[in-house]
Amino acid sequence: MQRRKFLKTSCTVCVGSLAGIATLSLLESCATGKIVKKEISNDTLTVSTADFEVNKSFIIVRSSGLSYDVLVNKMDATHYTAILMQCTHYDNPVFANNKEIFCPSHGSKFDFSGKVKIEPATVNLKSYRTELKENTITIFLK
């Protein structure tokens, strides 16, 4: 009888631990960057370098003039990339965590330059030219 109780208790603890780890993993993978709201002016979006949080290399720019958000990634102190957060597989929104950009619908994964890492997407994410002047990043949408 003691063996049965021990096994039951051990299994319950193991399953509970695994569920907790899985939940934390999911929460981390869904973590997103800071979201800033900006409006389009002359086919550009502008953000400040001050919008970036400490220890975060990217921000999400949301605009009412765009159907999808734009991820702005800080590559180094003077180089930024801007990527449309629209999956090229089936036009679903993509999300970012500290490791990658991913589509939760079909599992496509992209690096922070928008290049496909894992299919089913076979086309890189749309990227925009950026320009840094003083503390302002301009994203050229056309």
N, C-alpha and C. Protein backbone atom coordinates (compact mmCIF):
# COMPACT_ATOMS: atom_id res chain seq x y z
N MET A 1 0.81 -1.18 0.00
CA MET A 1 0.00 0.00 0.00
C MET A 1 0.87 1.27 0.00
N GLN A 2 1.96 1.26 0.73
CA GLN A 2 2.82 2.44 0.77
C GLN A 2 3.46 2.71 -0.59
N ARG A 3 3.81 1.64 -1.30
CA ARG A 3 4.41 1.80 -2.63
C ARG A 3 3.43 2.49 -3.57
N ARG A 4 2.18 2.08 -3.53
CA ARG A 4 1.16 2.67 -4.40
C ARG A 4 1.00 4.16 -4.09
N LYS A 5 0.96 4.51 -2.83
CA LYS A 5 0.81 5.91 -2.42
C LYS A 5 2.03 6.72 -2.86
N PHE A 6 3.23 6.12 -2.68
CA PHE A 6 4.45 6.78 -3.10
C PHE A 6 4.44 7.05 -4.61
N LEU A 7 4.07 6.04 -5.41
CA LEU A 7 4.02 6.21 -6.86
C LEU A 7 3.01 7.27 -7.27
N LYS A 8 1.85 7.24 -6.63
CA LYS A 8 0.81 8.21 -6.96
C LYS A 8 1.29 9.63 -6.65
N THR A 9 1.88 9.80 -5.49
CA THR A 9 2.38 11.12 -5.08
C THR A 9 3.50 11.58 -6.01
N SER A 10 4.44 10.67 -6.32
CA SER A 10 5.55 11.01 -7.20
C SER A 10 5.06 11.42 -8.58
N CYS A 11 4.12 10.66 -9.12
CA CYS A 11 3.59 10.97 -10.45
C CYS A 11 2.87 12.32 -10.45
N THR A 12 2.12 12.59 -9.40
CA THR A 12 1.41 13.87 -9.30
C THR A 12 2.40 15.03 -9.27
N VAL A 13 3.47 14.88 -8.50
CA VAL A 13 4.49 15.92 -8.41
C VAL A 13 5.17 16.11 -9.77
N CYS A 14 5.51 14.99 -10.43
CA CYS A 14 6.18 15.09 -11.74
C CYS A 14 5.29 15.77 -12.78
N VAL A 15 4.04 15.37 -12.85
CA VAL A 15 3.11 15.96 -13.82
C VAL A 15 2.91 17.44 -13.51
N GLY A 16 2.76 17.77 -12.25
CA GLY A 16 2.60 19.18 -11.86
C GLY A 16 3.82 20.01 -12.22
N SER A 17 5.00 19.45 -12.00
CA SER A 17 6.24 20.17 -12.34
C SER A 17 6.35 20.39 -13.84
N LEU A 18 6.06 19.34 -14.60
CA LEU A 18 6.12 19.47 -16.06
C LEU A 18 5.12 20.49 -16.57
N ALA A 19 3.92 20.49 -16.01
CA ALA A 19 2.90 21.47 -16.42
C ALA A 19 3.37 22.89 -16.10
N GLY A 20 3.99 23.08 -14.96
CA GLY A 20 4.51 24.39 -14.58
C GLY A 20 5.61 24.86 -15.52
N ILE A 21 6.52 23.96 -15.85
CA ILE A 21 7.61 24.29 -16.76
C ILE A 21 7.07 24.62 -18.14
N ALA A 22 6.10 23.83 -18.60
CA ALA A 22 5.50 24.08 -19.92
C ALA A 22 4.81 25.44 -19.94
N THR A 23 4.11 25.77 -18.87
CA THR A 23 3.41 27.06 -18.80
C THR A 23 4.41 28.21 -18.84
N LEU A 24 5.48 28.11 -18.07
CA LEU A 24 6.49 29.16 -18.08
C LEU A 24 7.14 29.29 -19.45
N SER A 25 7.40 28.16 -20.08
CA SER A 25 7.97 28.17 -21.42
C SER A 25 7.05 28.87 -22.41
N LEU A 26 5.76 28.57 -22.33
CA LEU A 26 4.78 29.22 -23.21
C LEU A 26 4.72 30.71 -22.96
N LEU A 27 4.73 31.10 -21.69
CA LEU A 27 4.68 32.53 -21.38
C LEU A 27 5.90 33.24 -21.92
N GLU A 28 7.07 32.61 -21.82
CA GLU A 28 8.29 33.23 -22.34
C GLU A 28 8.24 33.34 -23.85
N SER A 29 7.72 32.29 -24.50
CA SER A 29 7.69 32.33 -25.97
C SER A 29 6.69 33.34 -26.49
N CYS A 30 5.69 33.69 -25.69
CA CYS A 30 4.71 34.68 -26.10
C CYS A 30 5.10 36.09 -25.69
N ALA A 31 6.18 36.20 -24.93
CA ALA A 31 6.60 37.51 -24.48
C ALA A 31 6.85 38.41 -25.68
N THR A 32 6.44 39.62 -25.57
CA THR A 32 6.61 40.55 -26.68
C THR A 32 7.38 41.76 -26.19
N GLY A 33 7.80 42.56 -27.11
CA GLY A 33 8.52 43.78 -26.76
C GLY A 33 7.56 44.89 -26.39
N LYS A 34 8.13 45.99 -26.04
CA LYS A 34 7.35 47.18 -25.72
C LYS A 34 6.61 47.63 -26.97
N ILE A 35 5.34 47.98 -26.81
CA ILE A 35 4.53 48.45 -27.94
C ILE A 35 4.41 49.96 -27.86
N VAL A 36 4.78 50.64 -28.95
CA VAL A 36 4.63 52.09 -29.04
C VAL A 36 3.67 52.39 -30.19
N LYS A 37 2.80 53.34 -29.98
CA LYS A 37 1.82 53.72 -31.01
C LYS A 37 2.31 54.98 -31.72
N LYS A 38 2.36 54.89 -33.04
CA LYS A 38 2.82 56.00 -33.87
C LYS A 38 1.92 56.12 -35.08
N GLU A 39 1.85 57.31 -35.63
CA GLU A 39 1.06 57.52 -36.85
C GLU A 39 2.00 57.73 -38.04
N ILE A 40 1.52 57.30 -39.19
CA ILE A 40 2.29 57.44 -40.43
C ILE A 40 2.23 58.90 -40.90
N SER A 41 3.38 59.40 -41.31
CA SER A 41 3.47 60.74 -41.87
C SER A 41 4.41 60.68 -43.07
N ASN A 42 3.93 61.09 -44.24
CA ASN A 42 4.73 61.07 -45.48
C ASN A 42 5.34 59.68 -45.74
N ASP A 43 4.55 58.64 -45.57
CA ASP A 43 4.98 57.25 -45.79
C ASP A 43 6.13 56.82 -44.90
N THR A 44 6.23 57.44 -43.72
CA THR A 44 7.26 57.03 -42.77
C THR A 44 6.66 56.92 -41.36
N LEU A 45 7.33 56.13 -40.55
CA LEU A 45 7.08 56.08 -39.11
C LEU A 45 8.36 56.53 -38.44
N THR A 46 8.25 57.25 -37.34
CA THR A 46 9.45 57.64 -36.59
C THR A 46 9.30 57.20 -35.15
N VAL A 47 10.40 56.68 -34.61
CA VAL A 47 10.45 56.28 -33.20
C VAL A 47 11.74 56.81 -32.61
N SER A 48 11.75 56.92 -31.32
CA SER A 48 12.93 57.41 -30.62
C SER A 48 13.75 56.24 -30.10
N THR A 49 15.06 56.41 -30.07
CA THR A 49 15.90 55.36 -29.47
C THR A 49 15.58 55.19 -27.99
N ALA A 50 15.00 56.23 -27.38
CA ALA A 50 14.62 56.16 -25.97
C ALA A 50 13.43 55.22 -25.75
N ASP A 51 12.72 54.85 -26.83
CA ASP A 51 11.59 53.91 -26.71
C ASP A 51 12.06 52.50 -26.37
N PHE A 52 13.33 52.20 -26.61
CA PHE A 52 13.85 50.86 -26.31
C PHE A 52 14.09 50.71 -24.82
N GLU A 53 13.64 49.59 -24.26
CA GLU A 53 13.86 49.30 -22.85
C GLU A 53 15.25 48.72 -22.65
N VAL A 54 15.77 48.86 -21.44
CA VAL A 54 17.06 48.28 -21.11
C VAL A 54 16.95 46.76 -21.26
N ASN A 55 17.97 46.15 -21.83
CA ASN A 55 18.04 44.70 -22.05
C ASN A 55 17.03 44.17 -23.06
N LYS A 56 16.42 45.04 -23.84
CA LYS A 56 15.52 44.61 -24.92
C LYS A 56 16.07 45.18 -26.21
N SER A 57 16.18 44.33 -27.22
CA SER A 57 16.76 44.79 -28.47
C SER A 57 15.71 45.19 -29.49
N PHE A 58 14.42 45.07 -29.13
CA PHE A 58 13.40 45.43 -30.11
C PHE A 58 12.19 46.08 -29.46
N ILE A 59 11.45 46.82 -30.30
CA ILE A 59 10.15 47.37 -29.90
C ILE A 59 9.16 47.03 -31.01
N ILE A 60 7.89 47.10 -30.68
CA ILE A 60 6.82 46.87 -31.64
C ILE A 60 6.16 48.23 -31.89
N VAL A 61 6.06 48.60 -33.16
CA VAL A 61 5.42 49.88 -33.52
C VAL A 61 4.05 49.55 -34.09
N ARG A 62 3.04 50.13 -33.49
CA ARG A 62 1.65 49.93 -33.91
C ARG A 62 1.13 51.24 -34.49
N SER A 63 0.49 51.15 -35.67
CA SER A 63 -0.06 52.32 -36.32
C SER A 63 -1.43 51.99 -36.87
N SER A 64 -2.35 52.92 -36.74
CA SER A 64 -3.70 52.70 -37.28
C SER A 64 -3.67 52.64 -38.81
N GLY A 65 -2.60 53.11 -39.43
CA GLY A 65 -2.49 53.10 -40.88
C GLY A 65 -1.93 51.80 -41.44
N LEU A 66 -1.59 50.86 -40.58
CA LEU A 66 -1.04 49.58 -41.02
C LEU A 66 -1.89 48.43 -40.48
N SER A 67 -2.05 47.39 -41.28
CA SER A 67 -2.81 46.22 -40.84
C SER A 67 -2.03 45.36 -39.86
N TYR A 68 -0.70 45.44 -39.90
CA TYR A 68 0.16 44.65 -39.03
C TYR A 68 1.16 45.59 -38.35
N ASP A 69 1.65 45.17 -37.19
CA ASP A 69 2.66 45.93 -36.48
C ASP A 69 4.00 45.83 -37.21
N VAL A 70 4.92 46.71 -36.81
CA VAL A 70 6.28 46.70 -37.35
C VAL A 70 7.22 46.46 -36.17
N LEU A 71 8.11 45.49 -36.32
CA LEU A 71 9.12 45.22 -35.30
C LEU A 71 10.37 45.99 -35.67
N VAL A 72 10.86 46.81 -34.75
CA VAL A 72 12.11 47.55 -34.96
C VAL A 72 13.15 46.92 -34.05
N ASN A 73 14.20 46.41 -34.66
CA ASN A 73 15.24 45.68 -33.94
C ASN A 73 16.53 46.48 -33.93
N LYS A 74 17.12 46.59 -32.75
CA LYS A 74 18.40 47.29 -32.60
C LYS A 74 19.52 46.27 -32.82
N MET A 75 20.19 46.38 -33.96
CA MET A 75 21.28 45.46 -34.28
C MET A 75 22.55 45.85 -33.52
N ASP A 76 22.83 47.15 -33.49
CA ASP A 76 23.93 47.71 -32.71
C ASP A 76 23.60 49.19 -32.46
N ALA A 77 24.52 49.96 -31.96
CA ALA A 77 24.23 51.34 -31.56
C ALA A 77 23.80 52.24 -32.72
N THR A 78 24.13 51.86 -33.96
CA THR A 78 23.80 52.73 -35.09
C THR A 78 22.98 52.05 -36.19
N HIS A 79 22.65 50.78 -36.02
CA HIS A 79 21.96 50.04 -37.07
C HIS A 79 20.67 49.40 -36.53
N TYR A 80 19.56 49.76 -37.18
CA TYR A 80 18.25 49.24 -36.80
C TYR A 80 17.58 48.62 -38.02
N THR A 81 16.81 47.56 -37.80
CA THR A 81 16.03 46.96 -38.88
C THR A 81 14.55 47.12 -38.53
N ALA A 82 13.71 47.12 -39.56
CA ALA A 82 12.26 47.22 -39.37
C ALA A 82 11.61 46.14 -40.22
N ILE A 83 10.74 45.35 -39.59
CA ILE A 83 10.12 44.20 -40.25
C ILE A 83 8.62 44.23 -40.02
N LEU A 84 7.86 44.02 -41.09
CA LEU A 84 6.41 43.91 -40.99
C LEU A 84 6.07 42.57 -40.34
N MET A 85 5.25 42.61 -39.31
CA MET A 85 4.93 41.40 -38.54
C MET A 85 3.74 40.65 -39.16
N GLN A 86 3.90 40.30 -40.42
CA GLN A 86 2.90 39.57 -41.19
C GLN A 86 3.58 38.33 -41.77
N CYS A 87 3.11 37.15 -41.37
CA CYS A 87 3.70 35.92 -41.87
C CYS A 87 3.50 35.82 -43.38
N THR A 88 4.54 35.38 -44.06
CA THR A 88 4.47 35.24 -45.51
C THR A 88 3.86 33.91 -45.94
N HIS A 89 3.52 33.08 -44.97
CA HIS A 89 2.92 31.78 -45.29
C HIS A 89 1.43 31.92 -45.54
N TYR A 90 0.69 32.48 -44.57
CA TYR A 90 -0.75 32.67 -44.73
C TYR A 90 -1.23 34.01 -44.19
N ASP A 91 -0.38 35.01 -44.21
CA ASP A 91 -0.74 36.38 -43.80
C ASP A 91 -1.23 36.51 -42.36
N ASN A 92 -0.81 35.62 -41.50
CA ASN A 92 -1.15 35.72 -40.08
C ASN A 92 -0.18 36.66 -39.39
N PRO A 93 -0.58 37.25 -38.26
CA PRO A 93 0.37 38.06 -37.51
C PRO A 93 1.45 37.17 -36.89
N VAL A 94 2.66 37.69 -36.81
CA VAL A 94 3.75 36.99 -36.14
C VAL A 94 4.04 37.69 -34.82
N PHE A 95 4.75 37.00 -33.95
CA PHE A 95 5.08 37.52 -32.63
C PHE A 95 6.57 37.35 -32.41
N ALA A 96 7.11 38.05 -31.42
CA ALA A 96 8.54 37.97 -31.15
C ALA A 96 8.77 37.74 -29.67
N ASN A 97 9.80 36.96 -29.39
CA ASN A 97 10.31 36.85 -28.03
C ASN A 97 11.78 37.23 -28.08
N ASN A 98 12.51 36.95 -27.05
CA ASN A 98 13.92 37.36 -27.03
C ASN A 98 14.80 36.56 -27.98
N LYS A 99 14.27 35.46 -28.54
CA LYS A 99 15.08 34.58 -29.37
C LYS A 99 14.76 34.65 -30.85
N GLU A 100 13.48 34.89 -31.19
CA GLU A 100 13.07 34.78 -32.59
C GLU A 100 11.72 35.43 -32.82
N ILE A 101 11.35 35.49 -34.09
CA ILE A 101 10.02 35.91 -34.52
C ILE A 101 9.33 34.62 -34.96
N PHE A 102 8.08 34.44 -34.56
CA PHE A 102 7.41 33.18 -34.87
C PHE A 102 5.94 33.39 -35.21
N CYS A 103 5.42 32.46 -36.01
CA CYS A 103 4.01 32.45 -36.35
C CYS A 103 3.36 31.31 -35.56
N PRO A 104 2.46 31.63 -34.65
CA PRO A 104 1.83 30.57 -33.86
C PRO A 104 0.85 29.72 -34.66
N SER A 105 0.44 30.18 -35.82
CA SER A 105 -0.57 29.44 -36.58
C SER A 105 -0.02 28.16 -37.21
N HIS A 106 1.17 28.24 -37.82
CA HIS A 106 1.70 27.07 -38.51
C HIS A 106 3.14 26.76 -38.15
N GLY A 107 3.73 27.52 -37.23
CA GLY A 107 5.06 27.19 -36.72
C GLY A 107 6.24 27.79 -37.45
N SER A 108 6.01 28.66 -38.41
CA SER A 108 7.15 29.29 -39.09
C SER A 108 7.94 30.12 -38.09
N LYS A 109 9.27 30.14 -38.27
CA LYS A 109 10.14 30.94 -37.41
C LYS A 109 11.09 31.75 -38.28
N PHE A 110 11.41 32.95 -37.78
CA PHE A 110 12.25 33.89 -38.53
C PHE A 110 13.29 34.47 -37.57
N ASP A 111 14.43 34.89 -38.13
CA ASP A 111 15.40 35.59 -37.30
C ASP A 111 15.02 37.07 -37.26
N PHE A 112 15.80 37.86 -36.55
CA PHE A 112 15.45 39.27 -36.37
C PHE A 112 15.76 40.14 -37.59
N SER A 113 16.27 39.55 -38.64
CA SER A 113 16.38 40.28 -39.90
C SER A 113 15.23 39.88 -40.83
N GLY A 114 14.35 38.98 -40.34
CA GLY A 114 13.18 38.57 -41.10
C GLY A 114 13.39 37.35 -41.98
N LYS A 115 14.57 36.74 -41.92
CA LYS A 115 14.86 35.57 -42.75
C LYS A 115 14.22 34.32 -42.16
N VAL A 116 13.69 33.47 -43.04
CA VAL A 116 13.05 32.22 -42.62
C VAL A 116 14.08 31.30 -41.98
N LYS A 117 13.77 30.80 -40.78
CA LYS A 117 14.60 29.80 -40.11
C LYS A 117 13.93 28.43 -40.18
N ILE A 118 12.61 28.41 -40.00
CA ILE A 118 11.84 27.16 -40.03
C ILE A 118 10.60 27.37 -40.86
N GLU A 119 10.37 26.48 -41.81
CA GLU A 119 9.18 26.54 -42.67
C GLU A 119 7.95 26.08 -41.89
N PRO A 120 6.74 26.33 -42.40
CA PRO A 120 6.33 26.27 -43.78
C PRO A 120 6.52 27.56 -44.58
N ALA A 121 6.72 28.70 -43.94
CA ALA A 121 6.97 29.92 -44.73
C ALA A 121 8.27 29.72 -45.51
N THR A 122 8.28 30.15 -46.75
CA THR A 122 9.48 30.03 -47.58
C THR A 122 10.00 31.40 -48.03
N VAL A 123 9.21 32.44 -47.76
CA VAL A 123 9.57 33.81 -48.15
C VAL A 123 9.88 34.60 -46.88
N ASN A 124 10.96 35.36 -46.92
CA ASN A 124 11.33 36.19 -45.77
C ASN A 124 10.25 37.23 -45.47
N LEU A 125 10.23 37.71 -44.23
CA LEU A 125 9.30 38.76 -43.85
C LEU A 125 9.67 40.05 -44.58
N LYS A 126 8.67 40.89 -44.83
CA LYS A 126 8.90 42.17 -45.50
C LYS A 126 9.69 43.08 -44.56
N SER A 127 10.73 43.69 -45.10
CA SER A 127 11.53 44.61 -44.29
C SER A 127 11.48 46.00 -44.90
N TYR A 128 11.74 46.98 -44.07
CA TYR A 128 11.73 48.38 -44.49
C TYR A 128 13.10 49.00 -44.24
N ARG A 129 13.44 49.95 -45.06
CA ARG A 129 14.69 50.70 -44.87
C ARG A 129 14.53 51.60 -43.65
N THR A 130 15.58 51.70 -42.86
CA THR A 130 15.58 52.58 -41.70
C THR A 130 16.74 53.56 -41.79
N GLU A 131 16.58 54.66 -41.06
CA GLU A 131 17.65 55.67 -41.01
C GLU A 131 17.68 56.24 -39.60
N LEU A 132 18.87 56.34 -39.04
CA LEU A 132 19.05 56.90 -37.71
C LEU A 132 19.68 58.27 -37.82
N LYS A 133 19.00 59.28 -37.26
CA LYS A 133 19.55 60.64 -37.17
C LYS A 133 19.37 61.08 -35.73
N GLU A 134 20.51 61.35 -35.10
CA GLU A 134 20.54 61.69 -33.69
C GLU A 134 19.84 60.57 -32.92
N ASN A 135 18.71 60.82 -32.27
CA ASN A 135 18.02 59.79 -31.49
C ASN A 135 16.72 59.37 -32.12
N THR A 136 16.55 59.64 -33.42
CA THR A 136 15.29 59.31 -34.09
C THR A 136 15.53 58.29 -35.20
N ILE A 137 14.73 57.23 -35.17
CA ILE A 137 14.79 56.20 -36.20
C ILE A 137 13.62 56.44 -37.14
N THR A 138 13.91 56.61 -38.42
CA THR A 138 12.86 56.78 -39.43
C THR A 138 12.72 55.47 -40.18
N ILE A 139 11.47 55.01 -40.31
CA ILE A 139 11.16 53.78 -41.03
C ILE A 139 10.46 54.19 -42.32
N PHE A 140 11.07 53.87 -43.45
CA PHE A 140 10.51 54.24 -44.75
C PHE A 140 9.61 53.12 -45.25
N LEU A 141 8.30 53.39 -45.29
CA LEU A 141 7.34 52.37 -45.65
C LEU A 141 7.22 52.16 -47.16
N LYS A 142 7.74 53.07 -47.96
CA LYS A 142 7.72 52.92 -49.42
C LYS A 142 9.10 53.10 -49.99
